[in-house]
């Protein structure tokens, strides 16, 4: 039998221990059908998602109307409409003005701070969209009255927040097990 050294076993153990985590599940409050976002606060070590989120303009609307983004991600904002747009925000979490750009062009914005970002078009006043910038990739998006699940959350005690249109944010504290699940209804 071949003898295995301490270091390779330690590395294997550490890699395996980070693969485990508990799930947070529950039912989300809010107006039936209204967008709801639930996220975990306080997780410092995580892998940033590799995808680049996108919110396009088409039919003088934002698509999707609500997008969840992890702080630090860059969002693509392509104009897929037959008319020009000027996307901007005066939100405290991120203020920007992308200038006027025609169909086929795209702009990007990096969101570094968690919070709610309201999007508008200075040319089309009825256009509005929303970005919810969360602190890490441990989040779920659902609708009011529906269930949610946030998988593989590292074990520990955390504040979990819920945001829904018209109600703002709610917070609850939860202790997540190393394995299994915990129920947290809002």
N, C-alpha and C. Protein backbone atom coordinates (compact mmCIF):
# COMPACT_ATOMS: atom_id res chain seq x y z
N UNK A 1 0.85 -1.17 0.00
CA UNK A 1 0.00 0.00 0.00
C UNK A 1 0.90 1.24 0.00
N UNK A 2 0.55 2.19 -0.83
CA UNK A 2 1.32 3.42 -0.95
C UNK A 2 0.95 4.36 0.19
N UNK A 3 1.95 4.96 0.81
CA UNK A 3 1.73 5.89 1.91
C UNK A 3 1.40 7.27 1.36
N UNK A 4 0.35 7.88 1.88
CA UNK A 4 -0.07 9.21 1.44
C UNK A 4 0.40 10.21 2.48
N UNK A 5 1.01 11.29 2.02
CA UNK A 5 1.52 12.33 2.92
C UNK A 5 0.41 13.15 3.55
N UNK A 6 0.76 13.87 4.59
CA UNK A 6 -0.19 14.71 5.32
C UNK A 6 -0.75 15.84 4.46
N UNK A 7 0.12 16.51 3.69
CA UNK A 7 -0.30 17.69 2.91
C UNK A 7 -1.38 17.34 1.88
N UNK A 8 -1.23 16.30 1.04
CA UNK A 8 -2.29 15.98 0.08
C UNK A 8 -3.62 15.65 0.75
N UNK A 9 -3.57 14.97 1.91
CA UNK A 9 -4.80 14.63 2.63
C UNK A 9 -5.44 15.91 3.16
N UNK A 10 -4.65 16.84 3.69
CA UNK A 10 -5.16 18.11 4.20
C UNK A 10 -5.83 18.91 3.08
N UNK A 11 -5.18 18.99 1.93
CA UNK A 11 -5.74 19.71 0.78
C UNK A 11 -7.07 19.08 0.37
N UNK A 12 -7.13 17.76 0.29
CA UNK A 12 -8.36 17.06 -0.08
C UNK A 12 -9.46 17.36 0.94
N UNK A 13 -9.11 17.32 2.22
CA UNK A 13 -10.09 17.60 3.27
C UNK A 13 -10.62 19.02 3.17
N UNK A 14 -9.74 19.99 2.98
CA UNK A 14 -10.17 21.39 2.89
C UNK A 14 -11.04 21.63 1.67
N UNK A 15 -10.69 21.03 0.55
CA UNK A 15 -11.51 21.19 -0.66
C UNK A 15 -12.88 20.56 -0.44
N UNK A 16 -12.92 19.39 0.18
CA UNK A 16 -14.19 18.71 0.42
C UNK A 16 -15.04 19.48 1.41
N UNK A 17 -14.41 20.06 2.45
CA UNK A 17 -15.19 20.76 3.46
C UNK A 17 -15.86 22.01 2.90
N UNK A 18 -15.27 22.64 1.90
CA UNK A 18 -15.89 23.82 1.29
C UNK A 18 -16.98 23.45 0.30
N UNK A 19 -17.05 22.17 -0.09
CA UNK A 19 -18.07 21.74 -1.02
C UNK A 19 -19.41 21.57 -0.31
N UNK A 20 -19.40 21.48 1.03
CA UNK A 20 -20.62 21.27 1.78
C UNK A 20 -21.17 22.59 2.27
N UNK A 21 -22.44 22.61 2.47
CA UNK A 21 -23.10 23.78 3.00
C UNK A 21 -24.57 23.46 3.15
N UNK A 22 -25.23 24.20 4.00
CA UNK A 22 -26.64 23.99 4.19
C UNK A 22 -27.46 24.84 3.26
N UNK A 23 -28.72 24.48 3.12
CA UNK A 23 -29.64 25.24 2.28
C UNK A 23 -30.57 26.07 3.17
N UNK A 24 -30.90 27.26 2.69
CA UNK A 24 -31.93 28.07 3.32
C UNK A 24 -33.13 28.01 2.40
N UNK A 25 -34.28 27.63 2.95
CA UNK A 25 -35.49 27.56 2.13
C UNK A 25 -36.63 28.18 2.91
N UNK A 26 -37.67 28.55 2.19
CA UNK A 26 -38.82 29.11 2.86
C UNK A 26 -39.82 29.67 1.89
N UNK A 27 -40.76 30.39 2.43
CA UNK A 27 -41.79 31.03 1.63
C UNK A 27 -41.58 32.54 1.73
N UNK A 28 -41.70 33.21 0.60
CA UNK A 28 -41.45 34.66 0.52
C UNK A 28 -42.76 35.42 0.60
N UNK A 29 -42.75 36.47 1.41
CA UNK A 29 -43.91 37.33 1.52
C UNK A 29 -43.93 38.31 0.35
N UNK A 30 -45.01 38.97 0.18
CA UNK A 30 -45.12 39.98 -0.87
C UNK A 30 -46.42 39.81 -1.64
N UNK A 31 -46.74 40.80 -2.39
CA UNK A 31 -47.93 40.77 -3.24
C UNK A 31 -47.80 39.59 -4.20
N UNK A 32 -48.84 38.76 -4.32
CA UNK A 32 -48.74 37.60 -5.23
C UNK A 32 -48.27 38.02 -6.63
N UNK A 33 -47.23 37.35 -7.09
CA UNK A 33 -46.68 37.63 -8.41
C UNK A 33 -45.63 38.73 -8.43
N UNK A 34 -45.52 39.53 -7.36
CA UNK A 34 -44.52 40.61 -7.32
C UNK A 34 -43.13 40.02 -7.17
N UNK A 35 -42.15 40.68 -7.77
CA UNK A 35 -40.76 40.22 -7.70
C UNK A 35 -40.25 40.29 -6.27
N UNK A 36 -39.55 39.23 -5.86
CA UNK A 36 -38.95 39.14 -4.53
C UNK A 36 -37.51 38.66 -4.69
N UNK A 37 -36.59 39.29 -3.97
CA UNK A 37 -35.20 38.86 -3.97
C UNK A 37 -34.80 38.62 -2.51
N UNK A 38 -34.18 37.46 -2.25
CA UNK A 38 -33.73 37.09 -0.91
C UNK A 38 -32.23 36.84 -1.00
N UNK A 39 -31.44 37.39 -0.06
CA UNK A 39 -30.00 37.15 -0.09
C UNK A 39 -29.44 37.04 1.33
N UNK A 40 -28.22 36.48 1.39
CA UNK A 40 -27.53 36.26 2.66
C UNK A 40 -26.45 37.33 2.81
N UNK A 41 -26.43 37.98 3.95
CA UNK A 41 -25.41 38.98 4.27
C UNK A 41 -24.30 38.32 5.07
N UNK A 42 -23.08 38.84 4.97
CA UNK A 42 -22.00 38.43 5.86
C UNK A 42 -21.07 37.36 5.35
N UNK A 43 -21.29 36.82 4.17
CA UNK A 43 -20.38 35.82 3.63
C UNK A 43 -19.26 36.56 2.92
N UNK A 44 -18.04 36.39 3.40
CA UNK A 44 -16.90 37.15 2.89
C UNK A 44 -16.14 36.41 1.79
N UNK A 45 -16.06 35.10 1.89
CA UNK A 45 -15.29 34.32 0.91
C UNK A 45 -16.25 33.58 0.00
N UNK A 46 -16.15 33.88 -1.28
CA UNK A 46 -16.99 33.21 -2.28
C UNK A 46 -16.36 33.40 -3.64
N UNK A 47 -16.79 32.58 -4.56
CA UNK A 47 -16.31 32.71 -5.94
C UNK A 47 -17.28 33.59 -6.72
N UNK A 48 -16.74 34.62 -7.35
CA UNK A 48 -17.55 35.54 -8.15
C UNK A 48 -18.12 34.78 -9.35
N UNK A 49 -19.40 34.98 -9.66
CA UNK A 49 -19.97 34.33 -10.85
C UNK A 49 -19.19 34.74 -12.11
N UNK A 50 -19.02 33.79 -13.03
CA UNK A 50 -18.25 34.05 -14.24
C UNK A 50 -19.08 34.71 -15.34
N UNK A 51 -20.40 34.60 -15.24
CA UNK A 51 -21.25 35.16 -16.29
C UNK A 51 -21.28 36.68 -16.22
N UNK A 52 -21.58 37.30 -17.34
CA UNK A 52 -21.77 38.75 -17.37
C UNK A 52 -23.26 38.99 -17.53
N UNK A 53 -23.91 39.50 -16.47
CA UNK A 53 -25.36 39.75 -16.57
C UNK A 53 -25.66 40.80 -17.64
N UNK A 54 -26.87 40.72 -18.17
CA UNK A 54 -27.27 41.63 -19.24
C UNK A 54 -28.71 42.07 -19.03
N UNK A 55 -28.95 43.36 -19.26
CA UNK A 55 -30.31 43.90 -19.26
C UNK A 55 -30.42 44.74 -20.53
N UNK A 56 -31.26 44.29 -21.44
CA UNK A 56 -31.33 44.95 -22.74
C UNK A 56 -32.52 45.90 -22.81
N UNK A 57 -32.50 46.70 -23.85
CA UNK A 57 -33.62 47.58 -24.14
C UNK A 57 -34.24 47.07 -25.44
N UNK A 58 -35.54 46.76 -25.37
CA UNK A 58 -36.27 46.27 -26.54
C UNK A 58 -37.74 46.63 -26.37
N UNK A 59 -38.35 47.15 -27.41
CA UNK A 59 -39.76 47.54 -27.32
C UNK A 59 -39.98 48.65 -26.32
N UNK A 60 -39.01 49.54 -26.19
CA UNK A 60 -38.97 50.62 -25.20
C UNK A 60 -39.26 50.10 -23.78
N UNK A 61 -38.63 48.96 -23.48
CA UNK A 61 -38.69 48.36 -22.15
C UNK A 61 -37.34 47.77 -21.81
N UNK A 62 -37.09 47.61 -20.49
CA UNK A 62 -35.92 46.87 -20.05
C UNK A 62 -36.29 45.39 -19.98
N UNK A 63 -35.37 44.57 -20.41
CA UNK A 63 -35.61 43.13 -20.39
C UNK A 63 -34.38 42.42 -19.85
N UNK A 64 -34.49 41.78 -18.70
CA UNK A 64 -35.66 41.70 -17.83
C UNK A 64 -35.91 43.02 -17.11
N UNK A 65 -37.11 43.18 -16.56
CA UNK A 65 -37.46 44.41 -15.85
C UNK A 65 -36.73 44.50 -14.52
N UNK A 66 -36.34 43.33 -13.96
CA UNK A 66 -35.59 43.27 -12.71
C UNK A 66 -34.45 42.28 -12.89
N UNK A 67 -33.25 42.70 -12.52
CA UNK A 67 -32.07 41.85 -12.65
C UNK A 67 -31.30 41.88 -11.33
N UNK A 68 -30.91 40.69 -10.85
CA UNK A 68 -30.10 40.59 -9.63
C UNK A 68 -28.64 40.44 -10.05
N UNK A 69 -27.78 41.24 -9.42
CA UNK A 69 -26.36 41.31 -9.78
C UNK A 69 -25.54 41.21 -8.49
N UNK A 70 -24.43 40.49 -8.53
CA UNK A 70 -23.52 40.41 -7.39
C UNK A 70 -22.58 41.61 -7.45
N UNK A 71 -22.40 42.28 -6.30
CA UNK A 71 -21.51 43.43 -6.23
C UNK A 71 -20.14 43.05 -6.78
N UNK A 72 -19.63 43.87 -7.70
CA UNK A 72 -18.37 43.59 -8.38
C UNK A 72 -18.56 43.15 -9.82
N UNK A 73 -19.78 42.74 -10.17
CA UNK A 73 -20.05 42.32 -11.55
C UNK A 73 -20.28 43.51 -12.46
N UNK A 74 -19.94 43.30 -13.72
CA UNK A 74 -20.19 44.29 -14.77
C UNK A 74 -21.42 43.85 -15.54
N UNK A 75 -22.35 44.77 -15.75
CA UNK A 75 -23.60 44.47 -16.44
C UNK A 75 -23.55 45.03 -17.86
N UNK A 76 -23.87 44.20 -18.81
CA UNK A 76 -23.98 44.58 -20.22
C UNK A 76 -25.37 45.19 -20.43
N UNK A 77 -25.43 46.33 -21.14
CA UNK A 77 -26.71 46.98 -21.41
C UNK A 77 -26.84 47.25 -22.91
N UNK A 78 -27.14 46.19 -23.69
CA UNK A 78 -27.26 46.35 -25.13
C UNK A 78 -28.58 47.02 -25.53
N UNK A 79 -28.51 47.80 -26.61
CA UNK A 79 -29.72 48.38 -27.19
C UNK A 79 -30.17 47.47 -28.32
N UNK A 80 -31.22 46.69 -28.07
CA UNK A 80 -31.79 45.78 -29.06
C UNK A 80 -33.07 46.36 -29.64
N UNK A 81 -33.27 47.64 -29.45
CA UNK A 81 -34.49 48.32 -29.88
C UNK A 81 -34.25 49.00 -31.22
N UNK A 82 -35.32 49.41 -31.87
CA UNK A 82 -35.20 50.12 -33.15
C UNK A 82 -35.01 51.62 -32.97
N UNK A 83 -34.91 52.07 -31.73
CA UNK A 83 -34.71 53.48 -31.44
C UNK A 83 -33.53 53.64 -30.47
N UNK A 84 -32.99 54.85 -30.40
CA UNK A 84 -31.88 55.14 -29.49
C UNK A 84 -32.39 55.24 -28.05
N UNK A 85 -31.48 55.00 -27.11
CA UNK A 85 -31.80 55.11 -25.68
C UNK A 85 -30.67 55.83 -24.95
N UNK A 86 -30.99 56.40 -23.80
CA UNK A 86 -30.01 57.00 -22.90
C UNK A 86 -30.31 56.49 -21.50
N UNK A 87 -29.61 55.44 -21.08
CA UNK A 87 -29.86 54.80 -19.80
C UNK A 87 -29.09 55.54 -18.70
N UNK A 88 -29.81 55.80 -17.57
CA UNK A 88 -29.16 56.49 -16.47
C UNK A 88 -29.77 56.05 -15.15
N UNK A 89 -29.08 56.39 -14.05
CA UNK A 89 -29.59 56.15 -12.71
C UNK A 89 -29.04 57.21 -11.77
N UNK A 90 -29.91 57.65 -10.85
CA UNK A 90 -29.50 58.57 -9.79
C UNK A 90 -29.53 57.86 -8.44
N UNK A 91 -29.58 56.55 -8.45
CA UNK A 91 -29.68 55.76 -7.21
C UNK A 91 -28.41 55.89 -6.37
N UNK A 92 -28.55 55.92 -5.04
CA UNK A 92 -27.38 56.01 -4.17
C UNK A 92 -26.38 54.86 -4.36
N UNK A 93 -26.86 53.67 -4.69
CA UNK A 93 -25.95 52.53 -4.88
C UNK A 93 -25.07 52.69 -6.11
N UNK A 94 -25.54 53.43 -7.12
CA UNK A 94 -24.74 53.67 -8.33
C UNK A 94 -25.42 54.74 -9.17
N UNK A 95 -24.67 55.81 -9.43
CA UNK A 95 -25.15 56.86 -10.32
C UNK A 95 -24.34 56.81 -11.59
N UNK A 96 -25.03 56.87 -12.74
CA UNK A 96 -24.35 56.85 -14.03
C UNK A 96 -25.29 57.38 -15.11
N UNK A 97 -24.70 57.74 -16.24
CA UNK A 97 -25.43 58.17 -17.43
C UNK A 97 -24.66 57.63 -18.62
N UNK A 98 -25.26 56.73 -19.38
CA UNK A 98 -24.56 56.05 -20.47
C UNK A 98 -24.57 56.83 -21.78
N UNK A 99 -25.27 57.95 -21.83
CA UNK A 99 -25.34 58.71 -23.07
C UNK A 99 -26.25 58.02 -24.08
N UNK A 100 -26.53 58.72 -25.15
CA UNK A 100 -27.42 58.18 -26.18
C UNK A 100 -26.66 57.19 -27.05
N UNK A 101 -27.27 56.00 -27.24
CA UNK A 101 -26.65 55.02 -28.15
C UNK A 101 -27.73 54.27 -28.92
N UNK A 102 -27.44 54.00 -30.22
CA UNK A 102 -28.43 53.41 -31.12
C UNK A 102 -28.50 51.88 -31.04
N UNK A 103 -29.44 51.33 -31.79
CA UNK A 103 -29.61 49.88 -31.90
C UNK A 103 -28.27 49.25 -32.31
N UNK A 104 -27.99 48.11 -31.69
CA UNK A 104 -26.77 47.38 -32.03
C UNK A 104 -25.58 47.74 -31.18
N UNK A 105 -25.64 48.85 -30.46
CA UNK A 105 -24.54 49.22 -29.57
C UNK A 105 -24.86 48.77 -28.15
N UNK A 106 -23.83 48.71 -27.34
CA UNK A 106 -23.98 48.27 -25.96
C UNK A 106 -23.06 49.08 -25.06
N UNK A 107 -23.46 49.25 -23.82
CA UNK A 107 -22.64 49.91 -22.82
C UNK A 107 -22.56 48.98 -21.62
N UNK A 108 -21.56 49.20 -20.77
CA UNK A 108 -21.42 48.39 -19.56
C UNK A 108 -21.27 49.29 -18.34
N UNK A 109 -21.70 48.76 -17.21
CA UNK A 109 -21.55 49.44 -15.93
C UNK A 109 -21.14 48.39 -14.91
N UNK A 110 -20.14 48.71 -14.08
CA UNK A 110 -19.73 47.83 -13.00
C UNK A 110 -20.37 48.33 -11.71
N UNK A 111 -21.00 47.41 -10.99
CA UNK A 111 -21.69 47.74 -9.75
C UNK A 111 -20.89 47.20 -8.57
N UNK A 112 -20.34 48.10 -7.77
CA UNK A 112 -19.43 47.71 -6.70
C UNK A 112 -20.07 47.69 -5.32
N UNK A 113 -21.23 48.30 -5.19
CA UNK A 113 -21.86 48.48 -3.89
C UNK A 113 -23.26 47.87 -3.88
N UNK A 114 -23.60 47.05 -2.86
CA UNK A 114 -24.97 46.50 -2.78
C UNK A 114 -26.01 47.61 -2.65
N UNK A 115 -27.19 47.34 -3.16
CA UNK A 115 -28.30 48.27 -3.06
C UNK A 115 -29.24 48.14 -4.24
N UNK A 116 -30.26 48.97 -4.24
CA UNK A 116 -31.26 48.98 -5.31
C UNK A 116 -30.89 50.09 -6.29
N UNK A 117 -30.86 49.75 -7.57
CA UNK A 117 -30.54 50.72 -8.61
C UNK A 117 -31.73 50.82 -9.56
N UNK A 118 -32.34 52.00 -9.60
CA UNK A 118 -33.45 52.25 -10.51
C UNK A 118 -32.90 52.74 -11.84
N UNK A 119 -33.35 52.11 -12.93
CA UNK A 119 -32.90 52.47 -14.28
C UNK A 119 -33.99 53.24 -15.01
N UNK A 120 -33.55 54.24 -15.79
CA UNK A 120 -34.47 55.04 -16.58
C UNK A 120 -33.84 55.34 -17.93
N UNK A 121 -34.67 55.79 -18.87
CA UNK A 121 -34.21 56.27 -20.17
C UNK A 121 -34.67 57.72 -20.29
N UNK A 122 -33.73 58.61 -20.56
CA UNK A 122 -34.09 60.03 -20.63
C UNK A 122 -34.92 60.35 -21.87
N UNK A 123 -34.90 59.47 -22.85
CA UNK A 123 -35.66 59.69 -24.09
C UNK A 123 -37.09 59.14 -23.96
N UNK A 124 -37.24 58.03 -23.27
CA UNK A 124 -38.54 57.36 -23.12
C UNK A 124 -38.90 57.32 -21.64
N UNK A 125 -39.66 58.29 -21.21
CA UNK A 125 -39.95 58.49 -19.79
C UNK A 125 -40.67 57.32 -19.12
N UNK A 126 -41.40 56.52 -19.87
CA UNK A 126 -42.12 55.40 -19.25
C UNK A 126 -41.23 54.18 -19.02
N UNK A 127 -40.01 54.20 -19.56
CA UNK A 127 -39.08 53.09 -19.38
C UNK A 127 -38.49 53.12 -17.98
N UNK A 128 -38.63 52.02 -17.28
CA UNK A 128 -37.94 51.90 -16.01
C UNK A 128 -37.64 50.43 -15.74
N UNK A 129 -36.51 50.22 -15.11
CA UNK A 129 -36.08 48.88 -14.73
C UNK A 129 -35.41 48.96 -13.38
N UNK A 130 -35.03 47.80 -12.87
CA UNK A 130 -34.45 47.78 -11.54
C UNK A 130 -33.37 46.72 -11.48
N UNK A 131 -32.26 47.09 -10.81
CA UNK A 131 -31.20 46.14 -10.50
C UNK A 131 -31.14 46.02 -8.98
N UNK A 132 -31.05 44.81 -8.49
CA UNK A 132 -30.83 44.58 -7.07
C UNK A 132 -29.40 44.06 -6.97
N UNK A 133 -28.52 44.85 -6.36
CA UNK A 133 -27.12 44.48 -6.23
C UNK A 133 -26.96 43.82 -4.85
N UNK A 134 -26.61 42.53 -4.87
CA UNK A 134 -26.47 41.77 -3.64
C UNK A 134 -24.98 41.57 -3.33
N UNK A 135 -24.62 41.30 -2.05
CA UNK A 135 -23.20 41.26 -1.69
C UNK A 135 -22.44 40.01 -2.11
N UNK A 136 -23.14 38.95 -2.48
CA UNK A 136 -22.49 37.69 -2.82
C UNK A 136 -23.45 36.83 -3.65
N UNK A 137 -23.01 35.69 -4.16
CA UNK A 137 -23.88 34.88 -5.01
C UNK A 137 -24.89 34.02 -4.26
N UNK A 138 -25.03 34.21 -2.97
CA UNK A 138 -26.00 33.43 -2.19
C UNK A 138 -27.32 34.21 -2.14
N UNK A 139 -28.12 34.03 -3.19
CA UNK A 139 -29.40 34.73 -3.30
C UNK A 139 -30.40 33.87 -4.07
N UNK A 140 -31.65 34.28 -3.99
CA UNK A 140 -32.72 33.63 -4.76
C UNK A 140 -33.67 34.72 -5.23
N UNK A 141 -34.28 34.47 -6.37
CA UNK A 141 -35.30 35.38 -6.89
C UNK A 141 -36.56 34.57 -7.09
N UNK A 142 -37.68 35.10 -6.60
CA UNK A 142 -38.96 34.40 -6.71
C UNK A 142 -40.07 35.44 -6.82
N UNK A 143 -41.29 35.03 -6.56
CA UNK A 143 -42.43 35.93 -6.58
C UNK A 143 -43.12 35.88 -5.22
N UNK A 144 -43.81 36.95 -4.87
CA UNK A 144 -44.53 37.01 -3.60
C UNK A 144 -45.45 35.81 -3.43
N UNK A 145 -45.38 35.18 -2.25
CA UNK A 145 -46.20 34.02 -1.96
C UNK A 145 -45.58 32.70 -2.39
N UNK A 146 -44.47 32.74 -3.13
CA UNK A 146 -43.84 31.52 -3.63
C UNK A 146 -42.69 31.09 -2.72
N UNK A 147 -42.22 29.87 -2.95
CA UNK A 147 -41.10 29.33 -2.20
C UNK A 147 -39.78 29.76 -2.81
N UNK A 148 -38.72 29.69 -2.00
CA UNK A 148 -37.37 29.98 -2.47
C UNK A 148 -36.40 29.00 -1.84
N UNK A 149 -35.21 28.90 -2.41
CA UNK A 149 -34.13 28.08 -1.85
C UNK A 149 -32.80 28.72 -2.23
N UNK A 150 -31.93 28.87 -1.23
CA UNK A 150 -30.56 29.32 -1.46
C UNK A 150 -29.68 28.13 -1.05
N UNK A 151 -29.00 27.54 -2.02
CA UNK A 151 -28.28 26.29 -1.80
C UNK A 151 -26.83 26.49 -1.40
N UNK A 152 -26.32 25.52 -0.65
CA UNK A 152 -24.91 25.38 -0.30
C UNK A 152 -24.32 26.62 0.37
N UNK A 153 -25.06 27.17 1.33
CA UNK A 153 -24.59 28.32 2.09
C UNK A 153 -23.60 27.81 3.15
N UNK A 154 -22.42 28.42 3.26
CA UNK A 154 -21.47 27.98 4.29
C UNK A 154 -22.12 28.03 5.68
N UNK A 155 -21.79 27.05 6.51
CA UNK A 155 -22.36 26.99 7.85
C UNK A 155 -22.02 28.26 8.62
N UNK A 156 -22.99 28.74 9.41
CA UNK A 156 -22.76 29.92 10.22
C UNK A 156 -24.05 30.66 10.53
N UNK A 157 -23.91 31.74 11.25
CA UNK A 157 -25.05 32.59 11.61
C UNK A 157 -25.01 33.83 10.73
N UNK A 158 -26.14 34.11 10.05
CA UNK A 158 -26.19 35.19 9.07
C UNK A 158 -27.47 36.00 9.19
N UNK A 159 -27.42 37.19 8.63
CA UNK A 159 -28.62 37.99 8.41
C UNK A 159 -29.07 37.68 6.98
N UNK A 160 -30.34 37.35 6.83
CA UNK A 160 -30.92 37.11 5.51
C UNK A 160 -31.88 38.26 5.25
N UNK A 161 -31.78 38.84 4.06
CA UNK A 161 -32.64 39.97 3.72
C UNK A 161 -33.57 39.60 2.57
N UNK A 162 -34.74 40.20 2.61
CA UNK A 162 -35.73 40.05 1.54
C UNK A 162 -36.09 41.45 1.06
N UNK A 163 -36.13 41.60 -0.27
CA UNK A 163 -36.58 42.86 -0.88
C UNK A 163 -37.74 42.53 -1.80
N UNK A 164 -38.77 43.35 -1.73
CA UNK A 164 -39.87 43.24 -2.68
C UNK A 164 -40.40 44.64 -2.97
N UNK A 165 -40.84 44.84 -4.18
CA UNK A 165 -41.37 46.13 -4.62
C UNK A 165 -42.50 46.58 -3.71
N UNK A 166 -42.42 47.82 -3.27
CA UNK A 166 -43.46 48.40 -2.45
C UNK A 166 -43.29 48.16 -0.96
N UNK A 167 -42.47 47.16 -0.58
CA UNK A 167 -42.27 46.87 0.85
C UNK A 167 -40.87 47.20 1.30
N UNK A 168 -39.94 47.30 0.37
CA UNK A 168 -38.55 47.54 0.75
C UNK A 168 -37.91 46.27 1.27
N UNK A 169 -37.04 46.41 2.29
CA UNK A 169 -36.29 45.27 2.82
C UNK A 169 -36.81 44.81 4.17
N UNK A 170 -36.75 43.51 4.37
CA UNK A 170 -37.01 42.87 5.66
C UNK A 170 -35.77 42.06 5.99
N UNK A 171 -35.47 41.88 7.28
CA UNK A 171 -34.30 41.11 7.69
C UNK A 171 -34.68 40.10 8.75
N UNK A 172 -33.99 38.95 8.71
CA UNK A 172 -34.11 37.92 9.74
C UNK A 172 -32.74 37.29 9.94
N UNK A 173 -32.51 36.74 11.13
CA UNK A 173 -31.26 36.06 11.44
C UNK A 173 -31.51 34.56 11.34
N UNK A 174 -30.51 33.86 10.80
CA UNK A 174 -30.63 32.41 10.65
C UNK A 174 -29.28 31.75 10.94
N UNK A 175 -29.33 30.55 11.48
CA UNK A 175 -28.13 29.75 11.65
C UNK A 175 -28.19 28.61 10.64
N UNK A 176 -27.22 28.57 9.75
CA UNK A 176 -27.19 27.59 8.67
C UNK A 176 -26.33 26.40 9.09
N UNK A 177 -26.87 25.18 8.95
CA UNK A 177 -26.09 24.00 9.31
C UNK A 177 -25.05 23.67 8.23
N UNK A 178 -24.05 22.86 8.59
CA UNK A 178 -23.04 22.44 7.62
C UNK A 178 -23.64 21.55 6.53
N UNK A 179 -24.67 20.83 6.89
CA UNK A 179 -25.40 19.98 5.93
C UNK A 179 -26.88 20.04 6.28
N UNK A 180 -27.69 19.80 5.29
CA UNK A 180 -29.13 19.84 5.55
C UNK A 180 -29.70 21.18 5.16
N UNK A 181 -30.83 21.51 5.80
CA UNK A 181 -31.50 22.76 5.45
C UNK A 181 -32.14 23.38 6.66
N UNK A 182 -32.39 24.66 6.54
CA UNK A 182 -33.08 25.41 7.57
C UNK A 182 -34.21 26.17 6.87
N UNK A 183 -35.36 26.24 7.52
CA UNK A 183 -36.51 26.95 6.96
C UNK A 183 -36.57 28.35 7.53
N UNK A 184 -36.69 29.33 6.64
CA UNK A 184 -36.81 30.73 7.04
C UNK A 184 -37.88 31.38 6.18
N UNK A 185 -39.08 31.51 6.78
CA UNK A 185 -40.19 32.15 6.06
C UNK A 185 -40.19 33.63 6.36
N UNK A 186 -40.54 34.41 5.36
CA UNK A 186 -40.72 35.86 5.52
C UNK A 186 -42.19 36.16 5.38
